[in-house]
């Protein structure tokens, strides 16, 4: 029946994955509007349980995967190419790097560049540090980099590497289920594999919707700050509609004409904003502080990577680290497939080094420039950021820019950067969700990608109606756990296949790989 419906609609997709995923997503949108209080309480309860009893698992898993990626890059497997032995990268290093930001952390930089360091500076989570002091500033920057540097990109790199290996080395379709082919065999192309892919599509949709919702809150706050647009759900739904429309246009243009050009333009604008803050801010402090902060981050990395608040649980881990890991993990299938899509021909060593080191170094630079500048305002310029950020984290960037020249212009530019970052993320996600549901279809109709782009906007709007930031946080913490388990299995599947590959015993050719 689903196959006939798919053919009638002119779709080129796996009908089970597509329609089951679409059905689950379609049920959530009206349910969140009709039963918003009940659903809010439901996800809130699950989030509290997951964070209390399984938060340690998130933290241990992500740290372990970071060690795994470093090991595999340095091992004998590092020279294996993600493709045939004579394949070479399709994109230049610069284009590759900018597109990584289209799918990954570009949105996070704009939202948390000021907000997170100031939040931890005003409320240090670790014992023995007084708020508003130099010690609090150092701890705030360490925690911020812990959240957004190596660990975040580990979560993105793990599925990206596994997917790229199985797709380009073993000719399997670009779906999460392909990673489990060494164990499932042909069953990866049946109900078990379809179930894995449905989970991946639905989780990806919610992860993207959470990010789109956060970006909408920030854009709404910026427009309210600049021109007095009401900061309410009505305005946010209009903003989501505009971002979704931009993503839909980019989807229709395709990867090279759409995502690639938007990504390169937007990273250039973000770098200009970074240079502006560096030049007009406390430049000497930023130079000295970036070097010092990088060293402090490396020194504190191991203790932070295993810190669980075992002896003094204040709930901080639930609201920050566990939420971040769950949020990032929910993006993992989407970012993984997108990063795999643009990484064909690179060696495993090149892939791990590129995905971990290049974006991480840029992220460290970004958070040091914005974070140190914000903390300098508090320590040496009379303050003015702590209270606004405490009241509404989405205004942090715009409050910060008021302390620099051309505040109106830079605030407007920041809004534009945020909109484009979120449009490219929604665009990338639409491409990936179409791949997850259609497999390796060479010419899928554009309306399939348009459907996923429009669905992302609808889910993001529903989450905002459900309860704004708290609802976004609760839903994603709940849904992130199954993907955390999948990431661990991905590492085992990859090692199993690499051992056979290195020994000259490739996986058996799948009979249904292209179906």
Protein backbone atom coordinates (compact mmCIF):
# COMPACT_ATOMS: atom_id res chain seq x y z
CA UNK A 1 0.00 0.00 0.00
CA UNK A 2 2.77 2.43 0.92
CA UNK A 3 4.62 1.53 -2.27
CA UNK A 4 1.54 2.31 -4.39
CA UNK A 5 1.06 5.60 -2.55
CA UNK A 6 4.70 6.50 -3.14
CA UNK A 7 4.40 5.73 -6.85
CA UNK A 8 1.15 7.69 -7.10
CA UNK A 9 2.81 10.75 -5.58
CA UNK A 10 5.82 10.38 -7.88
CA UNK A 11 8.27 9.86 -5.01
CA UNK A 12 11.61 8.04 -5.30
CA UNK A 13 12.10 6.88 -1.75
CA UNK A 14 11.80 3.94 0.59
CA UNK A 15 8.06 4.17 1.30
CA UNK A 16 8.25 2.57 4.76
CA UNK A 17 10.97 4.90 6.05
CA UNK A 18 9.42 7.97 4.43
CA UNK A 19 5.79 7.52 5.40
CA UNK A 20 6.36 6.15 8.92
CA UNK A 21 8.76 9.01 9.71
CA UNK A 22 6.41 11.56 8.16
CA UNK A 23 3.49 10.07 10.10
CA UNK A 24 5.25 10.33 13.46
CA UNK A 25 6.30 13.89 12.74
CA UNK A 26 2.84 14.74 11.43
CA UNK A 27 1.19 13.46 14.61
CA UNK A 28 3.50 15.47 16.84
CA UNK A 29 2.64 18.85 15.31
CA UNK A 30 -1.12 18.89 16.06
CA UNK A 31 -0.64 16.99 19.34
CA UNK A 32 1.74 19.64 20.65
CA UNK A 33 -0.85 22.33 19.93
CA UNK A 34 -3.84 20.42 21.36
CA UNK A 35 -2.15 18.87 24.39
CA UNK A 36 0.73 21.24 25.02
CA UNK A 37 0.57 21.13 28.83
CA UNK A 38 0.35 17.35 29.03
CA UNK A 39 3.14 16.86 26.49
CA UNK A 40 5.27 19.46 28.23
CA UNK A 41 4.88 17.63 31.55
CA UNK A 42 5.57 14.28 29.87
CA UNK A 43 8.85 15.32 28.27
CA UNK A 44 9.84 17.26 31.39
CA UNK A 45 9.45 14.14 33.53
CA UNK A 46 11.42 11.94 31.17
CA UNK A 47 14.17 14.54 30.90
CA UNK A 48 14.55 14.71 34.67
CA UNK A 49 14.82 10.90 34.89
CA UNK A 50 17.29 10.62 32.00
CA UNK A 51 19.52 13.41 33.33
CA UNK A 52 19.45 12.02 36.90
CA UNK A 53 20.10 8.36 36.17
CA UNK A 54 21.78 8.35 32.75
CA UNK A 55 23.66 11.64 32.59
CA UNK A 56 26.88 9.80 33.51
CA UNK A 57 26.41 7.58 30.44
CA UNK A 58 26.25 10.60 28.12
CA UNK A 59 29.44 12.03 29.61
CA UNK A 60 31.40 8.76 29.61
CA UNK A 61 30.26 7.85 26.09
CA UNK A 62 31.28 11.09 24.41
CA UNK A 63 34.67 11.16 26.14
CA UNK A 64 35.30 7.52 25.18
CA UNK A 65 34.42 8.24 21.54
CA UNK A 66 36.93 11.10 21.48
CA UNK A 67 39.63 8.66 22.58
CA UNK A 68 38.45 6.16 19.98
CA UNK A 69 38.71 8.66 17.11
CA UNK A 70 42.22 9.70 18.12
CA UNK A 71 43.25 6.05 18.30
CA UNK A 72 41.80 5.10 14.93
CA UNK A 73 43.41 8.10 13.19
CA UNK A 74 46.84 7.18 14.56
CA UNK A 75 46.42 3.45 13.99
CA UNK A 76 47.23 1.39 10.92
CA UNK A 77 43.68 2.06 9.69
CA UNK A 78 44.33 5.79 9.35
CA UNK A 79 45.68 5.46 5.79
CA UNK A 80 42.52 3.76 4.45
CA UNK A 81 40.60 5.99 2.08
CA UNK A 82 36.90 6.72 2.31
CA UNK A 83 36.41 5.39 -1.19
CA UNK A 84 38.49 3.42 -3.62
CA UNK A 85 42.25 3.45 -3.11
CA UNK A 86 42.73 5.89 -5.99
CA UNK A 87 39.90 8.29 -5.04
CA UNK A 88 40.65 11.88 -4.08
CA UNK A 89 38.63 14.63 -2.29
CA UNK A 90 35.83 16.23 -4.28
CA UNK A 91 36.04 19.61 -2.50
CA UNK A 92 38.97 21.82 -1.59
CA UNK A 93 39.94 22.10 2.06
CA UNK A 94 38.44 25.59 2.28
CA UNK A 95 35.09 24.60 0.77
CA UNK A 96 35.04 21.47 2.92
CA UNK A 97 35.67 23.50 6.06
CA UNK A 98 32.95 26.07 5.33
CA UNK A 99 30.40 23.35 4.59
CA UNK A 100 31.24 21.65 7.88
CA UNK A 101 29.99 24.79 9.55
CA UNK A 102 26.83 24.75 7.46
CA UNK A 103 25.85 21.51 9.11
CA UNK A 104 27.60 21.80 12.44
CA UNK A 105 28.54 24.45 14.92
CA UNK A 106 28.01 27.73 13.06
CA UNK A 107 24.61 28.24 14.67
CA UNK A 108 26.00 27.48 18.13
CA UNK A 109 28.78 30.05 17.84
CA UNK A 110 26.34 32.88 17.35
CA UNK A 111 23.97 31.80 20.10
CA UNK A 112 26.42 30.86 22.85
CA UNK A 113 29.58 32.90 22.03
CA UNK A 114 28.71 35.45 24.72
CA UNK A 115 25.89 33.76 26.62
CA UNK A 116 27.72 30.71 27.94
CA UNK A 117 30.92 32.35 29.24
CA UNK A 118 28.90 35.08 30.97
CA UNK A 119 26.46 32.54 32.45
CA UNK A 120 29.27 30.50 34.05
CA UNK A 121 31.17 33.65 35.07
CA UNK A 122 28.10 34.80 37.01
CA UNK A 123 27.33 31.32 38.39
CA UNK A 124 30.41 29.05 38.56
CA UNK A 125 29.27 25.43 38.66
CA UNK A 126 32.38 23.92 40.26
CA UNK A 127 33.08 24.19 43.98
CA UNK A 128 35.48 26.69 45.48
CA UNK A 129 35.14 29.49 42.92
CA UNK A 130 33.55 32.84 43.70
CA UNK A 131 31.25 34.41 41.10
CA UNK A 132 32.50 37.45 39.22
CA UNK A 133 36.19 36.83 39.88
CA UNK A 134 39.18 36.12 37.65
CA UNK A 135 39.01 32.48 38.77
CA UNK A 136 35.35 32.36 37.70
CA UNK A 137 36.33 33.82 34.31
CA UNK A 138 38.95 31.12 33.74
CA UNK A 139 36.56 28.36 34.78
CA UNK A 140 33.80 29.79 32.56
CA UNK A 141 36.02 29.68 29.48
CA UNK A 142 37.26 26.17 30.27
CA UNK A 143 33.71 24.85 30.55
CA UNK A 144 32.61 26.66 27.39
CA UNK A 145 35.43 25.12 25.36
CA UNK A 146 34.72 21.72 26.91
CA UNK A 147 31.18 21.99 25.59
CA UNK A 148 31.96 23.31 22.11
CA UNK A 149 35.39 22.11 21.05
CA UNK A 150 36.68 18.52 20.85
CA UNK A 151 33.68 16.80 22.43
CA UNK A 152 31.09 18.44 20.17
CA UNK A 153 33.02 17.58 17.02
CA UNK A 154 33.60 14.05 18.28
CA UNK A 155 29.83 13.56 18.23
CA UNK A 156 29.73 14.83 14.63
CA UNK A 157 32.82 12.96 13.45
CA UNK A 158 31.89 9.48 14.70
CA UNK A 159 28.80 8.91 12.50
CA UNK A 160 30.39 10.85 9.65
CA UNK A 161 33.39 8.56 9.57
CA UNK A 162 31.33 5.37 9.89
CA UNK A 163 28.86 6.39 7.19
CA UNK A 164 31.56 7.58 4.78
CA UNK A 165 33.46 4.31 5.23
CA UNK A 166 30.51 2.00 4.61
CA UNK A 167 29.02 4.09 1.79
CA UNK A 168 32.16 4.83 -0.20
CA UNK A 169 34.29 1.83 0.70
CA UNK A 170 31.61 -0.86 0.58
CA UNK A 171 29.02 0.63 -1.78
CA UNK A 172 26.20 0.69 0.79
CA UNK A 173 23.35 3.23 0.73
CA UNK A 174 23.84 6.47 2.73
CA UNK A 175 21.66 5.43 5.65
CA UNK A 176 22.39 4.84 9.33
CA UNK A 177 21.31 1.20 8.95
CA UNK A 178 24.24 0.60 6.57
CA UNK A 179 26.64 0.93 9.50
CA UNK A 180 25.13 -2.20 11.02
CA UNK A 181 25.62 -4.30 7.88
CA UNK A 182 28.58 -6.24 9.36
CA UNK A 183 26.19 -7.69 11.97
CA UNK A 184 22.78 -7.52 10.30
CA UNK A 185 23.81 -8.51 6.79
CA UNK A 186 20.90 -8.35 4.34
CA UNK A 187 18.56 -7.63 7.26
CA UNK A 188 19.95 -4.09 7.21
CA UNK A 189 17.74 -3.58 4.14
CA UNK A 190 14.61 -5.00 5.79
CA UNK A 191 12.36 -4.07 8.74
CA UNK A 192 15.20 -3.92 11.28
CA UNK A 193 17.21 -1.52 9.12
CA UNK A 194 14.11 0.51 8.30
CA UNK A 195 13.40 0.87 12.01
CA UNK A 196 16.92 2.20 12.62
CA UNK A 197 16.49 4.70 9.79
CA UNK A 198 13.08 5.85 11.01
CA UNK A 199 14.61 6.58 14.43
CA UNK A 200 17.41 8.49 12.67
CA UNK A 201 15.01 10.57 10.57
CA UNK A 202 12.70 11.45 13.47
CA UNK A 203 15.59 12.24 15.81
CA UNK A 204 17.29 14.36 13.18
CA UNK A 205 14.08 16.27 12.59
CA UNK A 206 13.75 17.12 16.28
CA UNK A 207 17.42 18.02 16.61
CA UNK A 208 17.19 20.42 13.69
CA UNK A 209 13.89 21.79 14.98
CA UNK A 210 15.45 22.53 18.37
CA UNK A 211 18.28 24.45 16.71
CA UNK A 212 15.85 26.27 14.45
CA UNK A 213 13.78 27.15 17.50
CA UNK A 214 16.78 28.48 19.40
CA UNK A 215 17.83 30.53 16.39
CA UNK A 216 14.32 31.92 16.07
CA UNK A 217 14.34 32.99 19.73
CA UNK A 218 17.65 34.77 19.16
CA UNK A 219 16.53 36.49 15.95
CA UNK A 220 13.29 37.58 17.61
CA UNK A 221 15.22 39.04 20.55
CA UNK A 222 17.57 40.84 18.18
CA UNK A 223 14.77 42.35 16.12
CA UNK A 224 12.92 43.33 19.28
CA UNK A 225 16.09 44.94 20.59
CA UNK A 226 16.76 46.81 17.36
CA UNK A 227 13.38 47.82 15.98
CA UNK A 228 10.84 46.90 18.63
CA UNK A 229 9.24 43.84 17.01
CA UNK A 230 7.18 42.04 19.71
CA UNK A 231 9.05 39.21 21.36
CA UNK A 232 6.31 36.58 21.38
CA UNK A 233 5.22 33.32 19.80
CA UNK A 234 3.45 35.08 16.93
CA UNK A 235 6.62 36.86 15.86
CA UNK A 236 8.63 33.68 16.27
CA UNK A 237 6.30 31.73 13.99
CA UNK A 238 6.72 34.41 11.31
CA UNK A 239 10.51 34.24 11.67
CA UNK A 240 10.46 30.45 11.42
CA UNK A 241 8.40 30.74 8.26
CA UNK A 242 10.94 33.10 6.70
CA UNK A 243 13.93 30.92 7.62
CA UNK A 244 12.11 27.83 6.35
CA UNK A 245 11.32 29.59 3.08
CA UNK A 246 14.98 30.52 2.64
CA UNK A 247 16.00 26.92 3.36
CA UNK A 248 13.45 25.65 0.85
CA UNK A 249 14.87 27.86 -1.89
CA UNK A 250 18.38 26.66 -1.07
CA UNK A 251 17.17 23.05 -1.12
CA UNK A 252 15.77 23.52 -4.60
CA UNK A 253 19.12 24.91 -5.82
CA UNK A 254 21.04 21.83 -4.68
CA UNK A 255 24.28 21.23 -2.77
CA UNK A 256 26.76 23.17 -4.90
CA UNK A 257 24.57 26.12 -5.86
CA UNK A 258 22.72 26.34 -2.54
CA UNK A 259 24.51 25.12 0.57
CA UNK A 260 28.08 25.61 -0.72
CA UNK A 261 27.58 29.26 -1.76
CA UNK A 262 25.56 30.20 1.31
CA UNK A 263 28.12 28.53 3.59
CA UNK A 264 31.09 30.31 2.04
CA UNK A 265 29.30 33.66 2.18
CA UNK A 266 28.19 33.21 5.76
CA UNK A 267 31.52 32.05 7.14
CA UNK A 268 33.09 35.12 5.52
CA UNK A 269 30.55 37.38 7.27
CA UNK A 270 31.17 35.59 10.59
CA UNK A 271 34.94 36.04 10.22
CA UNK A 272 34.43 39.76 9.52
CA UNK A 273 32.40 40.07 12.73
CA UNK A 274 35.12 38.18 14.61
CA UNK A 275 37.83 40.49 13.24
CA UNK A 276 35.74 43.56 14.12
CA UNK A 277 35.43 42.47 17.78
CA UNK A 278 39.12 41.59 17.88
CA UNK A 279 40.23 44.96 16.49
CA UNK A 280 37.81 47.22 18.40
CA UNK A 281 37.94 45.21 21.63
CA UNK A 282 40.79 44.60 24.11
CA UNK A 283 43.16 43.28 21.43
CA UNK A 284 46.18 42.65 23.66
CA UNK A 285 44.05 40.84 26.25
CA UNK A 286 42.52 38.74 23.49
CA UNK A 287 45.95 37.72 22.16
CA UNK A 288 47.29 36.87 25.60
CA UNK A 289 44.03 35.35 26.82
CA UNK A 290 43.51 33.09 23.80
CA UNK A 291 46.94 31.49 24.25
CA UNK A 292 46.42 31.12 28.00
CA UNK A 293 42.86 29.83 27.66
CA UNK A 294 43.91 27.22 25.10
CA UNK A 295 46.52 25.88 27.51
CA UNK A 296 44.09 25.96 30.42
CA UNK A 297 41.51 24.06 28.36
CA UNK A 298 43.99 21.30 27.51
CA UNK A 299 45.08 21.08 31.16
CA UNK A 300 41.52 20.90 32.48
CA UNK A 301 40.16 18.69 29.67
CA UNK A 302 40.57 15.29 31.35
CA UNK A 303 39.02 16.26 34.72
CA UNK A 304 36.13 18.05 33.01
CA UNK A 305 35.56 15.19 30.58
CA UNK A 306 34.74 12.83 33.47
CA UNK A 307 33.11 15.33 35.88
CA UNK A 308 29.62 14.21 36.92
CA UNK A 309 28.81 16.26 40.05
CA UNK A 310 28.81 12.96 41.94
CA UNK A 311 29.25 14.60 45.36
CA UNK A 312 27.32 17.83 44.87
CA UNK A 313 24.50 17.44 42.36
CA UNK A 314 22.97 20.88 41.84
CA UNK A 315 21.20 20.00 38.60
CA UNK A 316 23.74 21.98 36.60
CA UNK A 317 24.81 18.98 34.52
CA UNK A 318 21.20 18.34 33.48
CA UNK A 319 20.73 21.90 32.24
CA UNK A 320 24.08 22.25 30.53
CA UNK A 321 26.35 19.31 29.66
CA UNK A 322 23.69 16.59 29.35
CA UNK A 323 21.48 18.92 27.32
CA UNK A 324 24.37 19.83 25.01
CA UNK A 325 25.43 16.24 24.44
CA UNK A 326 21.83 15.14 23.82
CA UNK A 327 21.23 18.06 21.46
CA UNK A 328 24.44 17.47 19.54
CA UNK A 329 23.85 13.70 19.42
CA UNK A 330 20.38 14.28 17.97
CA UNK A 331 22.15 16.07 15.10
CA UNK A 332 24.62 13.21 14.74
CA UNK A 333 22.85 11.24 11.95
CA UNK A 334 22.20 14.43 9.98
CA UNK A 335 25.68 15.93 10.40
CA UNK A 336 27.29 12.53 9.95
CA UNK A 337 25.68 11.87 6.59
CA UNK A 338 26.25 15.44 5.43
CA UNK A 339 29.92 15.37 6.45
CA UNK A 340 30.28 11.97 4.79
CA UNK A 341 28.67 13.35 1.63
CA UNK A 342 31.35 16.04 1.32
CA UNK A 343 34.33 13.91 2.48
CA UNK A 344 34.62 11.22 -0.17
CA UNK A 345 38.20 10.44 -1.12
CA UNK A 346 39.86 11.53 2.11
CA UNK A 347 41.79 9.10 4.28
CA UNK A 348 40.49 8.24 7.73
CA UNK A 349 43.42 10.16 9.20
CA UNK A 350 42.64 13.24 7.09
CA UNK A 351 38.97 13.01 7.98
CA UNK A 352 39.53 12.81 11.74
CA UNK A 353 42.20 15.52 11.72
CA UNK A 354 40.09 17.82 9.57
CA UNK A 355 36.78 17.35 11.36
CA UNK A 356 38.29 17.53 14.84
CA UNK A 357 41.09 20.05 14.47
CA UNK A 358 40.06 22.71 11.94
CA UNK A 359 36.57 23.53 13.30
CA UNK A 360 37.81 23.09 16.88
CA UNK A 361 40.57 25.66 16.44
CA UNK A 362 38.12 28.11 14.91
CA UNK A 363 35.66 27.46 17.73
CA UNK A 364 38.34 28.09 20.35
CA UNK A 365 39.27 31.35 18.64
CA UNK A 366 35.62 32.42 18.44
CA UNK A 367 34.77 31.69 22.07
CA UNK A 368 38.00 33.28 23.30
CA UNK A 369 37.42 36.50 21.35
CA UNK A 370 33.76 36.86 22.26
CA UNK A 371 33.99 35.29 25.72
CA UNK A 372 37.08 37.19 26.85
CA UNK A 373 35.67 40.45 25.48
CA UNK A 374 32.41 39.90 27.36
CA UNK A 375 34.18 39.03 30.61
CA UNK A 376 36.44 42.07 30.19
CA UNK A 377 33.30 44.23 30.09
CA UNK A 378 32.27 42.75 33.45
CA UNK A 379 35.69 42.94 35.09
CA UNK A 380 37.06 46.23 33.74
CA UNK A 381 34.28 48.29 32.12
CA UNK A 382 31.55 48.47 34.72
CA UNK A 383 29.61 45.37 33.63
CA UNK A 384 26.09 45.32 32.26
CA UNK A 385 25.83 41.84 30.73
CA UNK A 386 25.15 39.50 33.63
CA UNK A 387 21.62 40.56 34.50
CA UNK A 388 20.27 40.75 30.92
CA UNK A 389 21.75 37.33 30.12
CA UNK A 390 20.33 35.89 33.34
CA UNK A 391 16.88 37.22 32.42
CA UNK A 392 16.96 36.20 28.75
CA UNK A 393 19.90 34.30 27.31
CA UNK A 394 18.83 35.08 23.73
CA UNK A 395 19.74 38.80 24.07
CA UNK A 396 23.34 38.13 25.13
CA UNK A 397 24.96 38.87 21.76
CA UNK A 398 23.01 42.08 21.19
CA UNK A 399 23.66 43.41 24.71
CA UNK A 400 27.33 42.62 24.14
CA UNK A 401 27.50 44.50 20.83
CA UNK A 402 26.17 47.66 22.48
CA UNK A 403 29.60 48.04 24.08
CA UNK A 404 31.29 48.32 20.68
CA UNK A 405 31.18 50.88 17.84
CA UNK A 406 28.52 50.57 15.11
CA UNK A 407 26.28 48.58 17.43
CA UNK A 408 23.18 48.89 15.25
CA UNK A 409 25.03 47.76 12.15
CA UNK A 410 26.80 44.82 13.82
CA UNK A 411 23.57 43.71 15.48
CA UNK A 412 21.82 43.73 12.11
CA UNK A 413 24.73 41.83 10.56
CA UNK A 414 24.57 39.29 13.39
CA UNK A 415 20.88 38.69 12.74
CA UNK A 416 21.65 38.11 9.05
CA UNK A 417 24.43 35.65 9.94
CA UNK A 418 22.14 33.75 12.32
CA UNK A 419 19.38 33.55 9.70
CA UNK A 420 21.77 32.24 7.02
CA UNK A 421 23.40 29.77 9.42
CA UNK A 422 20.03 28.36 10.34
CA UNK A 423 18.83 28.34 6.75
CA UNK A 424 21.89 26.36 5.65
CA UNK A 425 21.46 23.98 8.60
CA UNK A 426 17.82 23.41 7.70
CA UNK A 427 18.82 23.03 4.05
CA UNK A 428 21.54 20.49 4.90
CA UNK A 429 19.17 18.60 7.16
CA UNK A 430 16.54 18.40 4.43
CA UNK A 431 19.08 16.93 2.04
CA UNK A 432 20.19 14.40 4.64
CA UNK A 433 16.70 13.34 5.72
CA UNK A 434 15.87 12.76 2.07
CA UNK A 435 18.98 10.59 1.76
CA UNK A 436 18.07 8.69 4.94
CA UNK A 437 14.66 7.86 3.54
CA UNK A 438 15.55 7.35 -0.14
CA UNK A 439 18.98 5.71 0.04
CA UNK A 440 21.27 6.25 -2.93
CA UNK A 441 18.63 7.44 -5.39
CA UNK A 442 20.62 9.44 -7.98
CA UNK A 443 17.84 11.85 -8.96
CA UNK A 444 15.26 12.18 -6.17
CA UNK A 445 12.54 14.74 -6.89
CA UNK A 446 13.12 18.13 -5.28
CA UNK A 447 9.68 18.02 -3.64
CA UNK A 448 10.95 15.33 -1.26
CA UNK A 449 13.63 17.69 0.09
CA UNK A 450 11.13 20.55 0.15
CA UNK A 451 8.81 18.38 2.27
CA UNK A 452 11.52 17.84 4.88
CA UNK A 453 12.42 21.54 4.92
CA UNK A 454 8.79 22.53 5.50
CA UNK A 455 8.41 19.81 8.16
CA UNK A 456 11.38 21.17 10.08
CA UNK A 457 9.77 24.58 10.26
CA UNK A 458 6.47 23.06 11.39
CA UNK A 459 8.09 21.03 14.18
CA UNK A 460 10.15 24.01 15.37
CA UNK A 461 7.00 26.11 15.54
CA UNK A 462 5.23 23.37 17.48
CA UNK A 463 8.05 23.16 20.02
CA UNK A 464 7.86 26.90 20.60
CA UNK A 465 4.11 26.67 21.10
CA UNK A 466 4.76 23.78 23.49
CA UNK A 467 6.78 25.97 25.81
CA UNK A 468 9.75 27.79 24.31
CA UNK A 469 13.29 27.08 25.48
CA UNK A 470 12.34 24.64 28.26
CA UNK A 471 10.32 22.52 25.84
CA UNK A 472 13.18 22.49 23.33
CA UNK A 473 15.57 21.38 26.05
CA UNK A 474 13.29 18.67 27.43
CA UNK A 475 12.36 17.10 24.10
CA UNK A 476 15.92 16.87 22.85
CA UNK A 477 17.33 15.46 26.12
CA UNK A 478 14.69 12.73 25.96
CA UNK A 479 15.29 11.83 22.31
CA UNK A 480 19.07 12.05 22.39
CA UNK A 481 19.66 8.96 24.53
CA UNK A 482 18.88 6.28 21.88
CA UNK A 483 21.35 7.97 19.53
CA UNK A 484 24.02 7.97 22.21
CA UNK A 485 23.71 4.18 22.32
CA UNK A 486 23.83 4.03 18.50
CA UNK A 487 27.10 5.99 18.46
CA UNK A 488 28.75 3.36 20.64
CA UNK A 489 27.58 0.59 18.32
CA UNK A 490 28.89 2.56 15.33
CA UNK A 491 32.40 2.46 16.77
CA UNK A 492 32.23 -1.33 17.20
CA UNK A 493 30.84 -1.83 13.68
CA UNK A 494 33.56 0.33 12.17
CA UNK A 495 36.38 -1.54 13.89
CA UNK A 496 34.90 -4.89 12.90
CA UNK A 497 34.76 -3.89 9.22
CA UNK A 498 38.18 -2.22 9.23
CA UNK A 499 39.85 -5.34 10.56
CA UNK A 500 38.40 -7.39 7.73
CA UNK A 501 39.26 -4.70 5.19
CA UNK A 502 42.86 -4.39 6.37
CA UNK A 503 43.27 -8.16 6.30
CA UNK A 504 42.07 -8.26 2.70
CA UNK A 505 38.71 -9.80 3.57
CA UNK A 506 36.13 -7.19 2.46
CA UNK A 507 32.48 -7.41 3.43
CA UNK A 508 30.34 -9.59 1.15
CA UNK A 509 28.67 -7.64 -1.63
CA UNK A 510 25.15 -6.74 -0.49
CA UNK A 511 22.36 -7.92 -2.77
CA UNK A 512 20.07 -5.01 -1.99
CA UNK A 513 22.52 -2.21 -1.28
CA UNK A 514 21.06 0.15 -3.85
CA UNK A 515 17.40 -0.49 -3.12
